[in-house]
PDB file of all heavy atoms in Angstrom:
ATOM      1  N   ILE A   1    -104.578  27.317  43.995  1.00  0.00           N
ATOM      2  CA  ILE A   1    -103.164  27.143  44.354  1.00  0.00           C
ATOM      3  C   ILE A   1    -102.295  28.378  43.803  1.00  0.00           C
ATOM      4  O   ILE A   1    -101.464  28.900  44.449  1.00  0.00           O
ATOM      5  CB  ILE A   1    -102.658  25.848  43.877  1.00  0.00           C
ATOM      6  CG1 ILE A   1    -103.236  24.723  44.682  1.00  0.00           C
ATOM      7  CG2 ILE A   1    -101.112  25.833  43.943  1.00  0.00           C
ATOM      8  CD1 ILE A   1    -102.913  23.317  44.247  1.00  0.00           C
ATOM      9  N   ASP A   2    -102.558  28.726  42.513  1.00  0.00           N
ATOM     10  CA  ASP A   2    -101.859  29.805  41.880  1.00  0.00           C
ATOM     11  C   ASP A   2    -102.028  31.140  42.701  1.00  0.00           C
ATOM     12  O   ASP A   2    -101.134  31.914  42.813  1.00  0.00           O
ATOM     13  CB  ASP A   2    -102.263  29.958  40.441  1.00  0.00           C
ATOM     14  CG  ASP A   2    -101.828  28.822  39.573  1.00  0.00           C
ATOM     15  OD1 ASP A   2    -100.928  28.085  40.014  1.00  0.00           O
ATOM     16  OD2 ASP A   2    -102.315  28.700  38.451  1.00  0.00           O
ATOM     17  N   ARG A   3    -103.275  31.332  43.068  1.00  0.00           N
ATOM     18  CA  ARG A   3    -103.649  32.573  43.799  1.00  0.00           C
ATOM     19  C   ARG A   3    -102.964  32.576  45.176  1.00  0.00           C
ATOM     20  O   ARG A   3    -102.393  33.598  45.579  1.00  0.00           O
ATOM     21  CB  ARG A   3    -105.164  32.691  43.952  1.00  0.00           C
ATOM     22  CG  ARG A   3    -105.591  34.038  44.462  1.00  0.00           C
ATOM     23  CD  ARG A   3    -107.127  34.276  44.278  1.00  0.00           C
ATOM     24  NE  ARG A   3    -107.895  33.251  44.918  1.00  0.00           N
ATOM     25  CZ  ARG A   3    -108.536  32.337  44.226  1.00  0.00           C
ATOM     26  NH1 ARG A   3    -108.494  32.317  42.853  1.00  0.00           N
ATOM     27  NH2 ARG A   3    -109.287  31.389  44.886  1.00  0.00           N
ATOM     28  N   LEU A   4    -102.945  31.463  45.826  1.00  0.00           N
ATOM     29  CA  LEU A   4    -102.332  31.331  47.138  1.00  0.00           C
ATOM     30  C   LEU A   4    -100.797  31.583  47.034  1.00  0.00           C
ATOM     31  O   LEU A   4    -100.208  32.289  47.882  1.00  0.00           O
ATOM     32  CB  LEU A   4    -102.628  30.008  47.816  1.00  0.00           C
ATOM     33  CG  LEU A   4    -104.048  29.847  48.349  1.00  0.00           C
ATOM     34  CD1 LEU A   4    -104.279  28.357  48.699  1.00  0.00           C
ATOM     35  CD2 LEU A   4    -104.293  30.791  49.486  1.00  0.00           C
ATOM     36  N   ASN A   5    -100.228  30.958  46.047  1.00  0.00           N
ATOM     37  CA  ASN A   5     -98.747  31.046  45.852  1.00  0.00           C
ATOM     38  C   ASN A   5     -98.301  32.462  45.457  1.00  0.00           C
ATOM     39  O   ASN A   5     -97.200  32.882  45.853  1.00  0.00           O
ATOM     40  CB  ASN A   5     -98.282  30.014  44.827  1.00  0.00           C
ATOM     41  CG  ASN A   5     -98.166  28.656  45.382  1.00  0.00           C
ATOM     42  OD1 ASN A   5     -97.975  28.480  46.582  1.00  0.00           O
ATOM     43  ND2 ASN A   5     -98.243  27.634  44.531  1.00  0.00           N
ATOM     44  N   LYS A   6     -99.169  33.104  44.784  1.00  0.00           N
ATOM     45  CA  LYS A   6     -98.867  34.566  44.463  1.00  0.00           C
ATOM     46  C   LYS A   6     -98.819  35.423  45.706  1.00  0.00           C
ATOM     47  O   LYS A   6     -97.946  36.305  45.758  1.00  0.00           O
ATOM     48  CB  LYS A   6     -99.926  35.053  43.465  1.00  0.00           C
ATOM     49  CG  LYS A   6     -99.612  36.457  42.924  1.00  0.00           C
ATOM     50  CD  LYS A   6    -100.602  36.886  41.843  1.00  0.00           C
ATOM     51  CE  LYS A   6    -100.271  38.239  41.299  1.00  0.00           C
ATOM     52  NZ  LYS A   6    -101.239  38.716  40.251  1.00  0.00           N
ATOM     53  N   ASN A   7     -99.643  35.082  46.626  1.00  0.00           N
ATOM     54  CA  ASN A   7     -99.731  35.914  47.880  1.00  0.00           C
ATOM     55  C   ASN A   7     -98.842  35.380  48.989  1.00  0.00           C
ATOM     56  O   ASN A   7     -98.595  36.101  49.920  1.00  0.00           O
ATOM     57  CB  ASN A   7    -101.180  36.072  48.356  1.00  0.00           C
ATOM     58  CG  ASN A   7    -102.046  36.740  47.304  1.00  0.00           C
ATOM     59  OD1 ASN A   7    -101.664  37.677  46.618  1.00  0.00           O
ATOM     60  ND2 ASN A   7    -103.284  36.298  47.213  1.00  0.00           N
ATOM     61  N   CYS A   8     -98.484  34.101  48.869  1.00  0.00           N
ATOM     62  CA  CYS A   8     -97.734  33.501  49.996  1.00  0.00           C
ATOM     63  C   CYS A   8     -96.408  32.961  49.623  1.00  0.00           C
ATOM     64  O   CYS A   8     -95.758  32.115  50.250  1.00  0.00           O
ATOM     65  CB  CYS A   8     -98.565  32.293  50.554  1.00  0.00           C
ATOM     66  SG  CYS A   8    -100.223  32.775  51.110  1.00  0.00           S
ATOM     67  N   PHE A   9     -95.846  33.515  48.520  1.00  0.00           N
ATOM     68  CA  PHE A   9     -94.431  33.196  48.049  1.00  0.00           C
ATOM     69  C   PHE A   9     -94.234  31.709  47.884  1.00  0.00           C
ATOM     70  O   PHE A   9     -93.311  31.077  48.384  1.00  0.00           O
ATOM     71  CB  PHE A   9     -93.475  33.758  49.079  1.00  0.00           C
ATOM     72  CG  PHE A   9     -93.619  35.200  49.345  1.00  0.00           C
ATOM     73  CD1 PHE A   9     -93.789  35.597  50.735  1.00  0.00           C
ATOM     74  CD2 PHE A   9     -93.736  36.112  48.368  1.00  0.00           C
ATOM     75  CE1 PHE A   9     -94.034  36.990  50.980  1.00  0.00           C
ATOM     76  CE2 PHE A   9     -93.919  37.525  48.687  1.00  0.00           C
ATOM     77  CZ  PHE A   9     -94.100  37.897  49.975  1.00  0.00           C
ATOM     78  N   ASP A  10     -95.118  31.050  47.041  1.00  0.00           N
ATOM     79  CA  ASP A  10     -94.896  29.708  46.589  1.00  0.00           C
ATOM     80  C   ASP A  10     -94.798  28.717  47.739  1.00  0.00           C
ATOM     81  O   ASP A  10     -93.933  27.832  47.778  1.00  0.00           O
ATOM     82  CB  ASP A  10     -93.635  29.611  45.711  1.00  0.00           C
ATOM     83  CG  ASP A  10     -93.826  30.362  44.461  1.00  0.00           C
ATOM     84  OD1 ASP A  10     -94.937  30.479  43.951  1.00  0.00           O
ATOM     85  OD2 ASP A  10     -92.807  30.884  43.892  1.00  0.00           O
ATOM     86  N   GLN A  11     -95.654  28.800  48.644  1.00  0.00           N
ATOM     87  CA  GLN A  11     -95.612  27.949  49.850  1.00  0.00           C
ATOM     88  C   GLN A  11     -96.544  26.726  49.698  1.00  0.00           C
ATOM     89  O   GLN A  11     -96.454  25.770  50.505  1.00  0.00           O
ATOM     90  CB  GLN A  11     -95.966  28.704  51.125  1.00  0.00           C
ATOM     91  CG  GLN A  11     -94.897  29.683  51.526  1.00  0.00           C
ATOM     92  CD  GLN A  11     -93.582  29.055  51.755  1.00  0.00           C
ATOM     93  OE1 GLN A  11     -93.404  28.121  52.574  1.00  0.00           O
ATOM     94  NE2 GLN A  11     -92.596  29.514  51.022  1.00  0.00           N
ATOM     95  N   VAL A  12     -97.448  26.718  48.708  1.00  0.00           N
ATOM     96  CA  VAL A  12     -98.350  25.587  48.464  1.00  0.00           C
ATOM     97  C   VAL A  12     -97.730  24.708  47.406  1.00  0.00           C
ATOM     98  O   VAL A  12     -97.546  25.046  46.241  1.00  0.00           O
ATOM     99  CB  VAL A  12     -99.728  26.052  48.042  1.00  0.00           C
ATOM    100  CG1 VAL A  12    -100.658  24.869  47.880  1.00  0.00           C
ATOM    101  CG2 VAL A  12    -100.315  27.006  49.056  1.00  0.00           C
ATOM    102  N   LYS A  13     -97.315  23.491  47.784  1.00  0.00           N
ATOM    103  CA  LYS A  13     -96.641  22.653  46.876  1.00  0.00           C
ATOM    104  C   LYS A  13     -97.207  21.186  46.933  1.00  0.00           C
ATOM    105  O   LYS A  13     -97.983  20.870  47.837  1.00  0.00           O
ATOM    106  CB  LYS A  13     -95.112  22.563  47.141  1.00  0.00           C
ATOM    107  CG  LYS A  13     -94.468  23.944  47.123  1.00  0.00           C
ATOM    108  CD  LYS A  13     -92.943  23.812  47.347  1.00  0.00           C
ATOM    109  CE  LYS A  13     -92.299  25.156  47.274  1.00  0.00           C
ATOM    110  NZ  LYS A  13     -90.857  25.067  47.518  1.00  0.00           N
ATOM    111  N   LEU A  14     -96.813  20.321  46.001  1.00  0.00           N
ATOM    112  CA  LEU A  14     -97.221  18.947  45.998  1.00  0.00           C
ATOM    113  C   LEU A  14     -96.383  18.193  47.055  1.00  0.00           C
ATOM    114  O   LEU A  14     -95.322  18.649  47.464  1.00  0.00           O
ATOM    115  CB  LEU A  14     -96.968  18.302  44.668  1.00  0.00           C
ATOM    116  CG  LEU A  14     -97.783  18.828  43.462  1.00  0.00           C
ATOM    117  CD1 LEU A  14     -97.459  18.034  42.224  1.00  0.00           C
ATOM    118  CD2 LEU A  14     -99.270  18.715  43.774  1.00  0.00           C
ATOM    119  N   GLY A  15     -96.884  17.076  47.526  1.00  0.00           N
ATOM    120  CA  GLY A  15     -96.168  16.295  48.552  1.00  0.00           C
ATOM    121  C   GLY A  15     -94.852  15.827  48.067  1.00  0.00           C
ATOM    122  O   GLY A  15     -93.966  15.573  48.877  1.00  0.00           O
ATOM    123  N   ALA A  16     -94.660  15.681  46.727  1.00  0.00           N
ATOM    124  CA  ALA A  16     -93.395  15.144  46.167  1.00  0.00           C
ATOM    125  C   ALA A  16     -92.317  16.269  46.186  1.00  0.00           C
ATOM    126  O   ALA A  16     -91.074  15.960  45.962  1.00  0.00           O
ATOM    127  CB  ALA A  16     -93.589  14.686  44.752  1.00  0.00           C
ATOM    128  N   GLN A  17     -92.661  17.520  46.442  1.00  0.00           N
ATOM    129  CA  GLN A  17     -91.739  18.606  46.478  1.00  0.00           C
ATOM    130  C   GLN A  17     -91.152  18.845  47.839  1.00  0.00           C
ATOM    131  O   GLN A  17     -91.745  18.496  48.875  1.00  0.00           O
ATOM    132  CB  GLN A  17     -92.358  19.874  45.943  1.00  0.00           C
ATOM    133  CG  GLN A  17     -92.794  19.802  44.454  1.00  0.00           C
ATOM    134  CD  GLN A  17     -93.411  21.071  44.002  1.00  0.00           C
ATOM    135  OE1 GLN A  17     -94.646  21.132  43.843  1.00  0.00           O
ATOM    136  NE2 GLN A  17     -92.641  22.123  43.821  1.00  0.00           N
ATOM    137  N   ASP A  18     -90.043  19.533  47.837  1.00  0.00           N
ATOM    138  CA  ASP A  18     -89.387  19.950  49.125  1.00  0.00           C
ATOM    139  C   ASP A  18     -89.909  21.309  49.519  1.00  0.00           C
ATOM    140  O   ASP A  18     -89.694  22.279  48.855  1.00  0.00           O
ATOM    141  CB  ASP A  18     -87.858  19.972  48.937  1.00  0.00           C
ATOM    142  CG  ASP A  18     -87.114  20.162  50.247  1.00  0.00           C
ATOM    143  OD1 ASP A  18     -87.707  20.761  51.217  1.00  0.00           O
ATOM    144  OD2 ASP A  18     -85.971  19.700  50.343  1.00  0.00           O
ATOM    145  N   LEU A  19     -90.637  21.354  50.585  1.00  0.00           N
ATOM    146  CA  LEU A  19     -91.279  22.617  51.098  1.00  0.00           C
ATOM    147  C   LEU A  19     -90.259  23.642  51.491  1.00  0.00           C
ATOM    148  O   LEU A  19     -90.567  24.853  51.462  1.00  0.00           O
ATOM    149  CB  LEU A  19     -92.258  22.305  52.189  1.00  0.00           C
ATOM    150  CG  LEU A  19     -93.444  21.486  51.873  1.00  0.00           C
ATOM    151  CD1 LEU A  19     -94.255  21.169  53.130  1.00  0.00           C
ATOM    152  CD2 LEU A  19     -94.340  22.146  50.846  1.00  0.00           C
ATOM    153  N   SER A  20     -89.099  23.202  51.925  1.00  0.00           N
ATOM    154  CA  SER A  20     -88.157  24.188  52.469  1.00  0.00           C
ATOM    155  C   SER A  20     -87.134  24.728  51.486  1.00  0.00           C
ATOM    156  O   SER A  20     -86.386  25.639  51.796  1.00  0.00           O
ATOM    157  CB  SER A  20     -87.339  23.524  53.606  1.00  0.00           C
ATOM    158  OG  SER A  20     -86.558  22.405  53.117  1.00  0.00           O
ATOM    159  N   LYS A  21     -87.199  24.195  50.216  1.00  0.00           N
ATOM    160  CA  LYS A  21     -86.191  24.629  49.228  1.00  0.00           C
ATOM    161  C   LYS A  21     -86.800  25.078  47.926  1.00  0.00           C
ATOM    162  O   LYS A  21     -87.849  24.531  47.555  1.00  0.00           O
ATOM    163  CB  LYS A  21     -85.118  23.551  48.999  1.00  0.00           C
ATOM    164  CG  LYS A  21     -84.374  23.256  50.300  1.00  0.00           C
ATOM    165  CD  LYS A  21     -83.316  22.168  50.010  1.00  0.00           C
ATOM    166  CE  LYS A  21     -82.518  21.807  51.264  1.00  0.00           C
ATOM    167  NZ  LYS A  21     -81.539  20.767  51.071  1.00  0.00           N
ATOM    168  N   VAL A  22     -86.130  26.034  47.295  1.00  0.00           N
ATOM    169  CA  VAL A  22     -86.635  26.539  46.006  1.00  0.00           C
ATOM    170  C   VAL A  22     -85.529  26.435  45.019  1.00  0.00           C
ATOM    171  O   VAL A  22     -84.440  27.017  45.195  1.00  0.00           O
ATOM    172  CB  VAL A  22     -87.100  28.015  46.129  1.00  0.00           C
ATOM    173  CG1 VAL A  22     -87.553  28.502  44.752  1.00  0.00           C
ATOM    174  CG2 VAL A  22     -88.216  28.153  47.130  1.00  0.00           C
ATOM    175  N   TRP A  23     -85.704  25.643  43.980  1.00  0.00           N
ATOM    176  CA  TRP A  23     -84.791  25.383  42.916  1.00  0.00           C
ATOM    177  C   TRP A  23     -83.465  24.698  43.306  1.00  0.00           C
ATOM    178  O   TRP A  23     -82.846  24.043  42.553  1.00  0.00           O
ATOM    179  CB  TRP A  23     -84.424  26.712  42.234  1.00  0.00           C
ATOM    180  CG  TRP A  23     -85.522  27.181  41.337  1.00  0.00           C
ATOM    181  CD1 TRP A  23     -86.198  28.336  41.464  1.00  0.00           C
ATOM    182  CD2 TRP A  23     -86.157  26.575  40.219  1.00  0.00           C
ATOM    183  NE1 TRP A  23     -87.177  28.488  40.507  1.00  0.00           N
ATOM    184  CE2 TRP A  23     -87.138  27.387  39.726  1.00  0.00           C
ATOM    185  CE3 TRP A  23     -85.951  25.332  39.667  1.00  0.00           C
ATOM    186  CZ2 TRP A  23     -87.954  27.021  38.674  1.00  0.00           C
ATOM    187  CZ3 TRP A  23     -86.726  24.916  38.550  1.00  0.00           C
ATOM    188  CH2 TRP A  23     -87.718  25.775  38.066  1.00  0.00           C
ATOM    189  N   LYS A  24     -83.063  24.864  44.582  1.00  0.00           N
ATOM    190  CA  LYS A  24     -81.819  24.303  45.055  1.00  0.00           C
ATOM    191  C   LYS A  24     -80.609  24.620  44.201  1.00  0.00           C
ATOM    192  O   LYS A  24     -79.717  23.811  44.019  1.00  0.00           O
ATOM    193  CB  LYS A  24     -82.007  22.746  45.094  1.00  0.00           C
ATOM    194  CG  LYS A  24     -82.878  22.242  46.250  1.00  0.00           C
ATOM    195  CD  LYS A  24     -82.834  20.728  46.230  1.00  0.00           C
ATOM    196  CE  LYS A  24     -83.496  20.162  47.450  1.00  0.00           C
ATOM    197  NZ  LYS A  24     -83.579  18.685  47.508  1.00  0.00           N
ATOM    198  N   MET A  25     -80.605  25.762  43.694  1.00  0.00           N
ATOM    199  CA  MET A  25     -79.427  26.234  42.936  1.00  0.00           C
ATOM    200  C   MET A  25     -78.263  26.611  43.850  1.00  0.00           C
ATOM    201  O   MET A  25     -78.509  27.006  44.958  1.00  0.00           O
ATOM    202  CB  MET A  25     -79.748  27.415  42.009  1.00  0.00           C
ATOM    203  CG  MET A  25     -80.605  27.079  40.833  1.00  0.00           C
ATOM    204  SD  MET A  25     -80.602  28.414  39.663  1.00  0.00           S
ATOM    205  CE  MET A  25     -81.474  29.708  40.566  1.00  0.00           C
ATOM    206  N   GLN A  26     -77.051  26.499  43.390  1.00  0.00           N
ATOM    207  CA  GLN A  26     -75.890  26.947  44.097  1.00  0.00           C
ATOM    208  C   GLN A  26     -75.878  28.470  43.898  1.00  0.00           C
ATOM    209  O   GLN A  26     -75.629  28.955  42.761  1.00  0.00           O
ATOM    210  CB  GLN A  26     -74.604  26.352  43.518  1.00  0.00           C
ATOM    211  CG  GLN A  26     -73.341  26.798  44.215  1.00  0.00           C
ATOM    212  CD  GLN A  26     -72.129  26.095  43.714  1.00  0.00           C
ATOM    213  OE1 GLN A  26     -72.142  24.928  43.381  1.00  0.00           O
ATOM    214  NE2 GLN A  26     -70.998  26.850  43.534  1.00  0.00           N
ATOM    215  N   GLN A  27     -76.082  29.157  44.913  1.00  0.00           N
ATOM    216  CA  GLN A  27     -76.078  30.696  44.920  1.00  0.00           C
ATOM    217  C   GLN A  27     -75.355  31.182  46.145  1.00  0.00           C
ATOM    218  O   GLN A  27     -75.934  31.664  47.074  1.00  0.00           O
ATOM    219  CB  GLN A  27     -77.534  31.188  44.927  1.00  0.00           C
ATOM    220  CG  GLN A  27     -78.338  30.800  43.662  1.00  0.00           C
ATOM    221  CD  GLN A  27     -79.757  31.223  43.740  1.00  0.00           C
ATOM    222  OE1 GLN A  27     -80.475  30.912  44.664  1.00  0.00           O
ATOM    223  NE2 GLN A  27     -80.198  31.967  42.683  1.00  0.00           N
ATOM    224  N   ASN A  28     -74.042  31.080  46.056  1.00  0.00           N
ATOM    225  CA  ASN A  28     -73.199  31.475  47.172  1.00  0.00           C
ATOM    226  C   ASN A  28     -73.033  32.990  47.328  1.00  0.00           C
ATOM    227  O   ASN A  28     -72.505  33.457  48.350  1.00  0.00           O
ATOM    228  CB  ASN A  28     -71.808  30.785  47.092  1.00  0.00           C
ATOM    229  CG  ASN A  28     -71.873  29.320  47.148  1.00  0.00           C
ATOM    230  OD1 ASN A  28     -72.786  28.720  47.766  1.00  0.00           O
ATOM    231  ND2 ASN A  28     -71.037  28.579  46.494  1.00  0.00           N
ATOM    232  N   HIS A  29     -73.443  33.736  46.345  1.00  0.00           N
ATOM    233  CA  HIS A  29     -73.200  35.224  46.349  1.00  0.00           C
ATOM    234  C   HIS A  29     -74.575  35.943  46.132  1.00  0.00           C
ATOM    235  O   HIS A  29     -74.562  37.028  45.515  1.00  0.00           O
ATOM    236  CB  HIS A  29     -72.204  35.580  45.258  1.00  0.00           C
ATOM    237  CG  HIS A  29     -70.983  34.726  45.320  1.00  0.00           C
ATOM    238  ND1 HIS A  29     -69.975  34.944  46.107  1.00  0.00           N
ATOM    239  CD2 HIS A  29     -70.604  33.724  44.489  1.00  0.00           C
ATOM    240  CE1 HIS A  29     -68.993  34.099  45.911  1.00  0.00           C
ATOM    241  NE2 HIS A  29     -69.338  33.357  44.886  1.00  0.00           N
ATOM    242  N   LEU A  30     -75.665  35.367  46.562  1.00  0.00           N
ATOM    243  CA  LEU A  30     -76.986  35.910  46.299  1.00  0.00           C
ATOM    244  C   LEU A  30     -77.237  37.122  47.206  1.00  0.00           C
ATOM    245  O   LEU A  30     -77.150  37.105  48.431  1.00  0.00           O
ATOM    246  CB  LEU A  30     -78.027  34.853  46.561  1.00  0.00           C
ATOM    247  CG  LEU A  30     -79.462  35.231  46.145  1.00  0.00           C
ATOM    248  CD1 LEU A  30     -79.582  35.442  44.664  1.00  0.00           C
ATOM    249  CD2 LEU A  30     -80.423  34.135  46.613  1.00  0.00           C
ATOM    250  N   SER A  31     -77.692  38.249  46.526  1.00  0.00           N
ATOM    251  CA  SER A  31     -78.099  39.408  47.319  1.00  0.00           C
ATOM    252  C   SER A  31     -79.586  39.232  47.739  1.00  0.00           C
ATOM    253  O   SER A  31     -80.255  38.258  47.354  1.00  0.00           O
ATOM    254  CB  SER A  31     -77.992  40.659  46.468  1.00  0.00           C
ATOM    255  OG  SER A  31     -78.702  40.567  45.271  1.00  0.00           O
ATOM    256  N   LYS A  32     -80.096  40.170  48.503  1.00  0.00           N
ATOM    257  CA  LYS A  32     -81.504  40.119  48.994  1.00  0.00           C
ATOM    258  C   LYS A  32     -82.478  40.395  47.852  1.00  0.00           C
ATOM    259  O   LYS A  32     -82.121  41.195  46.927  1.00  0.00           O
ATOM    260  CB  LYS A  32     -81.721  41.015  50.232  1.00  0.00           C
ATOM    261  CG  LYS A  32     -80.925  40.606  51.414  1.00  0.00           C
ATOM    262  CD  LYS A  32     -81.286  41.490  52.607  1.00  0.00           C
ATOM    263  CE  LYS A  32     -80.558  41.050  53.889  1.00  0.00           C
ATOM    264  NZ  LYS A  32     -80.884  41.923  55.027  1.00  0.00           N
ATOM    265  N   ARG A  33     -83.692  39.896  48.005  1.00  0.00           N
ATOM    266  CA  ARG A  33     -84.735  40.252  47.077  1.00  0.00           C
ATOM    267  C   ARG A  33     -85.520  41.467  47.708  1.00  0.00           C
ATOM    268  O   ARG A  33     -86.659  41.300  48.118  1.00  0.00           O
ATOM    269  CB  ARG A  33     -85.684  39.012  46.938  1.00  0.00           C
ATOM    270  CG  ARG A  33     -84.950  37.842  46.234  1.00  0.00           C
ATOM    271  CD  ARG A  33     -85.656  36.534  46.441  1.00  0.00           C
ATOM    272  NE  ARG A  33     -85.623  36.102  47.834  1.00  0.00           N
ATOM    273  CZ  ARG A  33     -86.123  34.939  48.251  1.00  0.00           C
ATOM    274  NH1 ARG A  33     -86.739  34.123  47.442  1.00  0.00           N
ATOM    275  NH2 ARG A  33     -86.032  34.616  49.578  1.00  0.00           N
ATOM    276  N   TYR A  34     -84.869  42.580  47.590  1.00  0.00           N
ATOM    277  CA  TYR A  34     -85.349  43.785  48.247  1.00  0.00           C
ATOM    278  C   TYR A  34     -86.746  44.200  47.957  1.00  0.00           C
ATOM    279  O   TYR A  34     -87.470  44.723  48.787  1.00  0.00           O
ATOM    280  CB  TYR A  34     -84.357  44.961  47.972  1.00  0.00           C
ATOM    281  CG  TYR A  34     -83.012  44.741  48.334  1.00  0.00           C
ATOM    282  CD1 TYR A  34     -82.023  44.390  47.370  1.00  0.00           C
ATOM    283  CD2 TYR A  34     -82.536  44.826  49.657  1.00  0.00           C
ATOM    284  CE1 TYR A  34     -80.695  44.187  47.683  1.00  0.00           C
ATOM    285  CE2 TYR A  34     -81.205  44.697  49.985  1.00  0.00           C
ATOM    286  CZ  TYR A  34     -80.307  44.337  49.003  1.00  0.00           C
ATOM    287  OH  TYR A  34     -78.972  44.081  49.361  1.00  0.00           O
ATOM    288  N   THR A  35     -87.182  43.989  46.745  1.00  0.00           N
ATOM    289  CA  THR A  35     -88.521  44.503  46.256  1.00  0.00           C
ATOM    290  C   THR A  35     -89.584  43.527  46.285  1.00  0.00           C
ATOM    291  O   THR A  35     -90.764  43.956  46.043  1.00  0.00           O
ATOM    292  CB  THR A  35     -88.339  45.028  44.850  1.00  0.00           C
ATOM    293  OG1 THR A  35     -88.014  43.962  43.945  1.00  0.00           O
ATOM    294  CG2 THR A  35     -87.254  46.142  44.771  1.00  0.00           C
ATOM    295  N   THR A  36     -89.350  42.257  46.605  1.00  0.00           N
ATOM    296  CA  THR A  36     -90.450  41.254  46.506  1.00  0.00           C
ATOM    297  C   THR A  36     -90.590  40.452  47.759  1.00  0.00           C
ATOM    298  O   THR A  36     -91.485  39.522  47.847  1.00  0.00           O
ATOM    299  CB  THR A  36     -90.176  40.276  45.321  1.00  0.00           C
ATOM    300  OG1 THR A  36     -88.885  39.698  45.569  1.00  0.00           O
ATOM    301  CG2 THR A  36     -90.188  40.999  44.049  1.00  0.00           C
ATOM    302  N   ARG A  37     -89.749  40.644  48.834  1.00  0.00           N
ATOM    303  CA  ARG A  37     -89.863  39.920  50.064  1.00  0.00           C
ATOM    304  C   ARG A  37     -89.907  40.916  51.246  1.00  0.00           C
ATOM    305  O   ARG A  37     -88.901  41.681  51.441  1.00  0.00           O
ATOM    306  CB  ARG A  37     -88.729  38.922  50.172  1.00  0.00           C
ATOM    307  CG  ARG A  37     -88.752  37.831  49.219  1.00  0.00           C
ATOM    308  CD  ARG A  37     -89.943  36.869  49.410  1.00  0.00           C
ATOM    309  NE  ARG A  37     -89.834  35.665  48.656  1.00  0.00           N
ATOM    310  CZ  ARG A  37     -90.307  35.539  47.425  1.00  0.00           C
ATOM    311  NH1 ARG A  37     -90.939  36.609  46.872  1.00  0.00           N
ATOM    312  NH2 ARG A  37     -90.288  34.427  46.733  1.00  0.00           N
ATOM    313  N   LEU A  38     -90.918  40.874  52.034  1.00  0.00           N
ATOM    314  CA  LEU A  38     -90.965  41.821  53.190  1.00  0.00           C
ATOM    315  C   LEU A  38     -89.899  41.489  54.211  1.00  0.00           C
ATOM    316  O   LEU A  38     -89.429  42.488  54.801  1.00  0.00           O
ATOM    317  CB  LEU A  38     -92.384  41.622  53.898  1.00  0.00           C
ATOM    318  CG  LEU A  38     -93.590  42.207  53.145  1.00  0.00           C
ATOM    319  CD1 LEU A  38     -94.880  41.786  53.870  1.00  0.00           C
ATOM    320  CD2 LEU A  38     -93.477  43.679  52.960  1.00  0.00           C
ATOM    321  N   ASN A  39     -89.482  40.295  54.358  1.00  0.00           N
ATOM    322  CA  ASN A  39     -88.430  39.999  55.299  1.00  0.00           C
ATOM    323  C   ASN A  39     -87.059  40.249  54.760  1.00  0.00           C
ATOM    324  O   ASN A  39     -86.094  40.008  55.489  1.00  0.00           O
ATOM    325  CB  ASN A  39     -88.586  38.530  55.763  1.00  0.00           C
ATOM    326  CG  ASN A  39     -88.369  37.540  54.637  1.00  0.00           C
ATOM    327  OD1 ASN A  39     -88.565  37.909  53.445  1.00  0.00           O
ATOM    328  ND2 ASN A  39     -88.012  36.306  54.992  1.00  0.00           N
ATOM    329  N   GLU A  40     -86.920  40.793  53.552  1.00  0.00           N
ATOM    330  CA  GLU A  40     -85.658  41.134  52.998  1.00  0.00           C
ATOM    331  C   GLU A  40     -85.555  42.555  52.546  1.00  0.00           C
ATOM    332  O   GLU A  40     -84.736  42.970  51.673  1.00  0.00           O
ATOM    333  CB  GLU A  40     -85.339  40.174  51.806  1.00  0.00           C
ATOM    334  CG  GLU A  40     -85.223  38.778  52.156  1.00  0.00           C
ATOM    335  CD  GLU A  40     -84.917  37.860  50.966  1.00  0.00           C
ATOM    336  OE1 GLU A  40     -84.337  38.331  49.990  1.00  0.00           O
ATOM    337  OE2 GLU A  40     -85.118  36.622  51.139  1.00  0.00           O
ATOM    338  N   LEU A  41     -86.441  43.367  53.165  1.00  0.00           N
ATOM    339  CA  LEU A  41     -86.412  44.852  52.885  1.00  0.00           C
ATOM    340  C   LEU A  41     -84.991  45.432  53.221  1.00  0.00           C
ATOM    341  O   LEU A  41     -84.356  44.976  54.205  1.00  0.00           O
ATOM    342  CB  LEU A  41     -87.501  45.548  53.665  1.00  0.00           C
ATOM    343  CG  LEU A  41     -88.924  45.299  53.153  1.00  0.00           C
ATOM    344  CD1 LEU A  41     -89.925  46.057  54.130  1.00  0.00           C
ATOM    345  CD2 LEU A  41     -89.088  45.890  51.735  1.00  0.00           C
TER     346      LEU A  41
END
């Protein structure tokens, strides 16, 4: 699971977790993750 999550951006989770959300923090002014996400280059 750790190896898959490292390569697939934490997409393997337990059934008790929300697959579509990460941390659920309020981040109304978040910039892109330019260096770690291909879709945010």
